[in-house]
Every structure is written in C-alpha cells, then in structure tokens.
C-alpha cells in the first residue's frame, strides 16, 4: 500500500518532538522553578492541577470551534496564544529572579 506522504511524516515528527519538549518543560523545568521560587510543594501541586484542569476544560470547546469555523483560524489563534504564554512566562521568570534571591543553579534550570 501507499506510504505516508512527506507532510504527514513531518507533522508526526513535529508532534513527537513537540510533545517531548512540552513534557520536559512543563513537567520538569517549570515544576522545579516553582518549587525553588515558592519553597512549597503545595504551590507546585496547585499549578500542575490548574494546568491539567485548563487542558480538560478547553479541549472540547476548542475542538468545537475548529469543526465549526475551520482548523486554520483556530491553529493561528493557538499560535498567537502560545506566543503570549511564552512572553508571560518570561516576564514572570525575570520578575521572580529579581524578587527572590535564586542561586545560579536555580536559574540554570531555566536557561
């Protein structure tokens, strides 16, 4: 039978690499940063719970919007929101760095 075309292979590879990067960043790096900055496991748990709850609550409505209005617009909006999230994360990290005396090791976790 016919194999997967180039675009499908590239998309699958991108999804795998993106999943690994996202899992490493949000599952390890951000959790370690929150623990170092707050010194409380409870804070890490609350942030992780909030992230999971947000994913759960938005998955179906975003799928509905993609079905109703087309994937292209939803993907573009997702890209804009990802850039906003990256900017907000950078702003928070730099703000915490100034307010909390963090060791070079702690900041090395992030960069």
Foldseek 3Di string as FASTA:
>chain_A
DDDDDPVVVVVVVVVVVVVVVVCCCLVPLVLLLCCQLVVDNVSSVVVVVVVVVVCVVVVVVLVVCCVVPNDVVSVVVVVVVVVVVVVVVVVVVVVSVVVPPDDPVSVVSVD
